[in-house]
Amino acid sequence: MANGNLKLAVQKKGRLSEKTMEMLKACGLEVDNYGERLLVPSRNYDIDILFLRDDDIPEYVKDGVADIGIVGENVMVEKQAAVSIVKRLGFSKCRLLIAVPENKELSNLNEINAKTIATSYPNILKSFLKENSLNAKIIEISGSVEIAPSLGVADMICDIVSTGNTLKMNKLKKSFPVFESEAVLIQSSAVEMDAHKKELLDNLLIRIDSVLTAKKSKYLMMNVPKNQLEKVIEILPSIKSPTVLPLADENLVAVHAVIPSETFWQINNKLKYAGASGILLLQIDNMIV
């Protein structure tokens, strides 16, 4: 492994792994189907991808076996390894919540006092209880935390929730939020990276920024009457000044702009009322601003 390449640890299987590989490929990295291999080099970049259990990633990064890693922030915080966040990646978002049986009520945090809570995240939960001056018994369980209340093992649980379907299946309901998590890029706080690897990481971060910015943006194209151009430009929440191009019809111009994705449906009707036509919204793969 001592080939001078940047070593990136990622989750071997699961949704986080899929999203991570999608991002890396959008960054232009060519990585073969990895199957059951531990390490796969990129064909067009000096980087080796290590496929690991997510729980192991913070430790591998801390010890310098991997230079950087992509992992859920919840795992990073729970493992308490000497690593730091280089970049928040904005995907695989989830929440660590307190959940109680459907027939119980938890109206305020003080009702947690003297209760028993089952969790796979004892360190995060312990910090939450301390921050809120609460005193509850923590029972650490690996996997299937949701069944603890029905078995009489705990009064409530603290677990990662995405859709909430698993809670409903186990007759539990959401209560107080404990921790917000997303995928993060981490590096060791203890191991110094050499100059070559720093350069590789800096270049990779530029690519990641490009992909993340593009994901939040769309390319908007439309035809606009010349006498309505100023009004249309006022409507546009453009990231940069829009491009205005002449058309064969001298009364019209083409307007191209990059806009935040979530704003399109807020301005679509306004653009139509201002006279815009032939409105096209296109996906952007990469964007450097």
Protein backbone atom coordinates (compact mmCIF):
# COMPACT_ATOMS: atom_id res chain seq x y z
CA MET A 1 0.00 0.00 0.00
CA ALA A 2 3.00 2.34 0.29
CA ASN A 3 2.74 3.56 -3.32
CA GLY A 4 2.35 7.28 -2.62
CA ASN A 5 -1.34 7.24 -3.50
CA LEU A 6 -3.93 8.97 -1.35
CA LYS A 7 -5.84 6.34 0.65
CA LEU A 8 -9.59 6.87 1.02
CA ALA A 9 -11.63 4.62 3.32
CA VAL A 10 -15.32 4.22 2.47
CA GLN A 11 -18.15 2.04 3.69
CA LYS A 12 -18.12 -1.39 2.06
CA LYS A 13 -21.88 -1.85 1.68
CA GLY A 14 -25.07 0.10 2.17
CA ARG A 15 -26.68 3.36 1.10
CA LEU A 16 -23.75 5.48 2.25
CA SER A 17 -21.42 3.37 0.10
CA GLU A 18 -23.64 3.79 -2.96
CA LYS A 19 -23.90 7.56 -2.53
CA THR A 20 -20.16 7.84 -1.93
CA MET A 21 -19.29 5.94 -5.10
CA GLU A 22 -21.77 8.04 -7.10
CA MET A 23 -20.03 11.19 -5.86
CA LEU A 24 -16.54 9.88 -6.61
CA LYS A 25 -17.56 8.91 -10.13
CA ALA A 26 -19.12 12.36 -10.62
CA CYS A 27 -15.73 13.73 -9.56
CA GLY A 28 -14.24 11.96 -12.57
CA LEU A 29 -12.63 9.07 -10.67
CA GLU A 30 -12.67 5.80 -12.59
CA VAL A 31 -13.02 2.92 -10.14
CA ASP A 32 -13.73 -0.68 -11.24
CA ASN A 33 -16.49 -2.76 -9.71
CA TYR A 34 -14.98 -3.69 -6.40
CA GLY A 35 -16.92 -6.84 -5.44
CA GLU A 36 -15.36 -8.23 -2.27
CA ARG A 37 -11.94 -6.60 -2.66
CA LEU A 38 -10.55 -4.57 0.22
CA LEU A 39 -8.57 -2.09 -1.89
CA VAL A 40 -9.27 -0.81 -5.41
CA PRO A 41 -7.10 1.82 -7.15
CA SER A 42 -8.56 4.48 -9.41
CA ARG A 43 -7.48 4.12 -13.04
CA ASN A 44 -7.09 7.86 -13.62
CA TYR A 45 -6.18 9.40 -10.24
CA ASP A 46 -3.53 8.64 -7.61
CA ILE A 47 -6.03 7.37 -5.06
CA ASP A 48 -6.75 3.95 -3.57
CA ILE A 49 -10.23 3.18 -2.25
CA LEU A 50 -10.38 1.01 0.89
CA PHE A 51 -13.73 -0.71 1.47
CA LEU A 52 -14.31 -1.18 5.20
CA ARG A 53 -17.03 -1.56 7.83
CA ASP A 54 -18.25 1.93 8.68
CA ASP A 55 -17.43 1.41 12.39
CA ASP A 56 -13.78 0.78 11.47
CA ILE A 57 -13.27 3.87 9.28
CA PRO A 58 -12.56 6.44 12.05
CA GLU A 59 -9.91 4.19 13.61
CA TYR A 60 -8.20 3.45 10.28
CA VAL A 61 -8.08 7.17 9.51
CA LYS A 62 -6.88 8.07 13.01
CA ASP A 63 -4.00 5.59 12.74
CA GLY A 64 -3.02 6.76 9.24
CA VAL A 65 -3.82 3.46 7.53
CA ALA A 66 -6.20 5.55 5.44
CA ASP A 67 -5.37 9.22 4.82
CA ILE A 68 -9.02 10.25 4.63
CA GLY A 69 -12.39 8.59 5.03
CA ILE A 70 -16.05 9.11 4.24
CA VAL A 71 -18.37 8.08 7.06
CA GLY A 72 -21.55 9.11 8.82
CA GLU A 73 -20.94 11.90 11.32
CA ASN A 74 -22.81 9.83 13.91
CA VAL A 75 -20.20 7.05 13.59
CA MET A 76 -17.32 9.51 13.76
CA VAL A 77 -18.64 11.15 16.95
CA GLU A 78 -19.60 7.86 18.59
CA LYS A 79 -16.18 6.28 18.04
CA GLN A 80 -14.45 9.32 19.60
CA ALA A 81 -11.37 8.82 17.39
CA ALA A 82 -8.82 11.60 16.93
CA VAL A 83 -10.13 12.70 13.53
CA SER A 84 -11.45 15.99 12.17
CA ILE A 85 -14.03 16.90 9.54
CA VAL A 86 -12.53 18.15 6.27
CA LYS A 87 -15.81 18.50 4.38
CA ARG A 88 -19.51 18.02 5.02
CA LEU A 89 -20.92 16.17 2.02
CA GLY A 90 -24.65 16.82 2.32
CA PHE A 91 -25.90 13.27 1.64
CA SER A 92 -26.99 10.30 3.81
CA LYS A 93 -28.63 12.68 6.25
CA CYS A 94 -30.34 11.14 9.26
CA ARG A 95 -31.23 11.91 12.87
CA LEU A 96 -30.57 10.20 16.17
CA LEU A 97 -33.86 10.38 18.07
CA ILE A 98 -35.44 9.34 21.32
CA ALA A 99 -38.40 7.07 20.49
CA VAL A 100 -41.07 5.80 22.88
CA PRO A 101 -43.82 3.17 22.64
CA GLU A 102 -46.94 4.39 20.82
CA ASN A 103 -49.02 4.15 24.00
CA LYS A 104 -46.63 6.39 25.96
CA GLU A 105 -46.15 10.14 25.98
CA LEU A 106 -42.92 12.10 26.42
CA SER A 107 -43.93 15.74 26.61
CA ASN A 108 -40.69 17.19 27.99
CA LEU A 109 -37.09 16.10 28.40
CA ASN A 110 -37.26 15.95 32.21
CA GLU A 111 -39.50 12.89 31.90
CA ILE A 112 -36.42 10.99 30.71
CA ASN A 113 -34.99 11.15 34.23
CA ALA A 114 -34.82 7.74 35.95
CA LYS A 115 -35.84 5.98 32.71
CA THR A 116 -33.91 3.25 30.88
CA ILE A 117 -32.81 3.94 27.29
CA ALA A 118 -31.52 1.31 24.85
CA THR A 119 -29.11 2.50 22.15
CA SER A 120 -26.24 1.61 19.86
CA TYR A 121 -24.82 5.10 20.41
CA PRO A 122 -24.02 5.27 24.15
CA ASN A 123 -21.39 8.02 23.82
CA ILE A 124 -23.62 10.39 21.85
CA LEU A 125 -26.53 9.69 24.19
CA LYS A 126 -24.35 10.20 27.26
CA SER A 127 -23.27 13.62 25.96
CA PHE A 128 -26.88 14.55 25.22
CA LEU A 129 -28.00 13.61 28.73
CA LYS A 130 -25.12 15.55 30.27
CA GLU A 131 -25.79 18.67 28.17
CA ASN A 132 -29.42 18.65 29.30
CA SER A 133 -28.69 17.77 32.97
CA LEU A 134 -30.61 14.51 32.68
CA ASN A 135 -30.08 11.27 34.55
CA ALA A 136 -31.11 8.07 32.78
CA LYS A 137 -29.76 4.53 32.59
CA ILE A 138 -28.16 3.66 29.24
CA ILE A 139 -28.26 0.09 27.96
CA GLU A 140 -25.96 -0.52 24.98
CA ILE A 141 -27.40 -2.84 22.34
CA SER A 142 -25.80 -3.79 19.01
CA GLY A 143 -28.51 -3.94 16.36
CA SER A 144 -32.31 -4.37 16.65
CA VAL A 145 -32.55 -1.58 19.23
CA GLU A 146 -36.24 -1.08 18.33
CA ILE A 147 -37.37 -4.31 20.02
CA ALA A 148 -35.97 -3.35 23.45
CA PRO A 149 -39.17 -1.70 24.81
CA SER A 150 -41.42 -4.60 23.70
CA LEU A 151 -39.08 -7.04 25.43
CA GLY A 152 -39.17 -5.00 28.61
CA VAL A 153 -35.43 -4.29 28.36
CA ALA A 154 -35.83 -0.49 28.24
CA ASP A 155 -38.47 2.21 28.58
CA MET A 156 -37.44 3.89 25.34
CA ILE A 157 -34.74 3.84 22.68
CA CYS A 158 -32.29 6.25 21.09
CA ASP A 159 -31.52 5.30 17.51
CA ILE A 160 -30.87 6.56 13.98
CA VAL A 161 -34.07 7.35 12.10
CA SER A 162 -34.40 8.07 8.39
CA THR A 163 -37.97 7.38 7.25
CA GLY A 164 -39.41 6.18 10.57
CA ASN A 165 -40.88 3.00 9.03
CA THR A 166 -38.87 0.72 11.33
CA LEU A 167 -40.23 2.57 14.37
CA LYS A 168 -43.82 2.10 13.16
CA MET A 169 -43.23 -1.62 12.60
CA ASN A 170 -42.14 -1.90 16.23
CA LYS A 171 -45.00 0.28 17.54
CA LEU A 172 -42.72 3.17 18.47
CA LYS A 173 -43.04 6.89 17.75
CA LYS A 174 -40.54 9.70 17.38
CA SER A 175 -39.86 12.00 20.27
CA PHE A 176 -36.93 14.34 20.99
CA PRO A 177 -34.02 14.79 18.54
CA VAL A 178 -30.58 13.96 19.93
CA PHE A 179 -28.13 14.34 17.02
CA GLU A 180 -28.19 15.39 13.35
CA SER A 181 -25.89 13.46 11.03
CA GLU A 182 -24.70 13.45 7.42
CA ALA A 183 -21.81 11.98 5.45
CA VAL A 184 -18.52 13.70 6.22
CA LEU A 185 -15.00 13.55 4.81
CA ILE A 186 -12.54 13.07 7.68
CA GLN A 187 -8.79 12.99 8.20
CA SER A 188 -6.53 12.17 11.13
CA SER A 189 -5.85 14.82 13.74
CA ALA A 190 -2.64 13.03 14.73
CA VAL A 191 -0.96 11.88 11.49
CA GLU A 192 0.67 14.49 9.22
CA MET A 193 -0.01 14.14 5.50
CA ASP A 194 2.94 14.54 3.11
CA ALA A 195 3.04 17.28 0.45
CA HIS A 196 2.10 15.01 -2.46
CA LYS A 197 -0.95 13.65 -0.68
CA LYS A 198 -1.99 17.14 0.41
CA GLU A 199 -1.92 18.21 -3.22
CA LEU A 200 -4.03 15.18 -4.18
CA LEU A 201 -6.50 15.96 -1.41
CA ASP A 202 -6.74 19.65 -2.37
CA ASN A 203 -7.48 18.69 -5.97
CA LEU A 204 -10.06 16.12 -4.84
CA LEU A 205 -11.77 18.74 -2.68
CA ILE A 206 -12.05 21.06 -5.68
CA ARG A 207 -13.77 18.25 -7.58
CA ILE A 208 -16.08 17.47 -4.66
CA ASP A 209 -17.01 21.15 -4.30
CA SER A 210 -17.79 21.22 -8.01
CA VAL A 211 -20.09 18.19 -7.75
CA LEU A 212 -21.86 19.41 -4.60
CA THR A 213 -22.42 22.90 -6.06
CA ALA A 214 -23.77 21.42 -9.29
CA LYS A 215 -26.10 19.12 -7.37
CA LYS A 216 -27.73 22.14 -5.72
CA SER A 217 -28.05 24.01 -9.03
CA LYS A 218 -29.86 23.77 -12.35
CA TYR A 219 -29.17 25.34 -15.76
CA LEU A 220 -32.15 27.39 -16.91
CA MET A 221 -32.72 28.34 -20.56
CA MET A 222 -35.61 30.36 -22.03
CA ASN A 223 -36.66 32.82 -24.68
CA VAL A 224 -37.64 36.29 -23.48
CA PRO A 225 -39.13 39.33 -25.28
CA LYS A 226 -36.55 42.12 -25.36
CA ASN A 227 -38.96 44.56 -23.73
CA GLN A 228 -39.39 42.18 -20.76
CA LEU A 229 -35.70 41.33 -20.28
CA GLU A 230 -35.10 43.53 -17.24
CA LYS A 231 -38.20 42.17 -15.50
CA VAL A 232 -37.12 38.56 -16.10
CA ILE A 233 -33.59 39.25 -14.85
CA GLU A 234 -35.06 40.72 -11.65
CA ILE A 235 -36.99 37.46 -11.07
CA LEU A 236 -33.96 35.22 -11.54
CA PRO A 237 -32.08 34.16 -8.37
CA SER A 238 -28.97 33.55 -10.48
CA ILE A 239 -25.73 32.37 -8.91
CA LYS A 240 -23.95 34.54 -11.50
CA SER A 241 -25.18 37.18 -13.91
CA PRO A 242 -27.33 35.50 -16.60
CA THR A 243 -26.15 35.14 -20.19
CA VAL A 244 -28.24 36.97 -22.81
CA LEU A 245 -27.94 35.87 -26.46
CA PRO A 246 -29.53 37.21 -29.66
CA LEU A 247 -32.03 35.06 -31.60
CA ALA A 248 -33.19 34.99 -35.23
CA ASP A 249 -36.35 36.77 -34.10
CA GLU A 250 -35.10 40.28 -33.35
CA ASN A 251 -37.83 40.78 -30.75
CA LEU A 252 -36.55 37.91 -28.62
CA VAL A 253 -33.38 37.03 -26.75
CA ALA A 254 -32.24 33.74 -25.18
CA VAL A 255 -31.52 33.93 -21.47
CA HIS A 256 -29.33 31.29 -19.80
CA ALA A 257 -28.80 31.22 -16.03
CA VAL A 258 -27.65 28.91 -13.24
CA ILE A 259 -30.17 28.93 -10.39
CA PRO A 260 -30.53 27.10 -7.04
CA SER A 261 -32.52 23.92 -7.74
CA GLU A 262 -35.18 24.51 -5.10
CA THR A 263 -36.15 27.94 -6.47
CA PHE A 264 -37.37 26.87 -9.93
CA TRP A 265 -40.96 26.07 -9.01
CA GLN A 266 -41.14 29.28 -6.99
CA ILE A 267 -40.31 31.42 -10.03
CA ASN A 268 -41.68 29.33 -12.91
CA ASN A 269 -45.08 31.05 -13.10
CA LYS A 270 -43.52 34.49 -12.59
CA LEU A 271 -41.26 33.89 -15.59
CA LYS A 272 -44.25 32.84 -17.73
CA TYR A 273 -46.24 35.89 -16.72
CA ALA A 274 -43.24 38.04 -17.64
CA GLY A 275 -43.35 36.58 -21.16
CA ALA A 276 -40.69 33.84 -20.96
CA SER A 277 -41.27 30.85 -23.25
CA GLY A 278 -39.50 27.65 -24.24
CA ILE A 279 -38.33 27.23 -20.64
CA LEU A 280 -35.82 24.40 -20.20
CA LEU A 281 -34.30 23.21 -16.92
CA LEU A 282 -31.17 21.09 -17.27
CA GLN A 283 -29.10 19.09 -14.82
CA ILE A 284 -25.51 20.19 -14.18
CA ASP A 285 -22.85 17.53 -13.58
CA ASN A 286 -20.05 19.76 -12.38
CA MET A 287 -19.66 23.46 -11.67
CA ILE A 288 -16.69 25.49 -10.49
CA VAL A 289 -17.53 28.96 -9.18
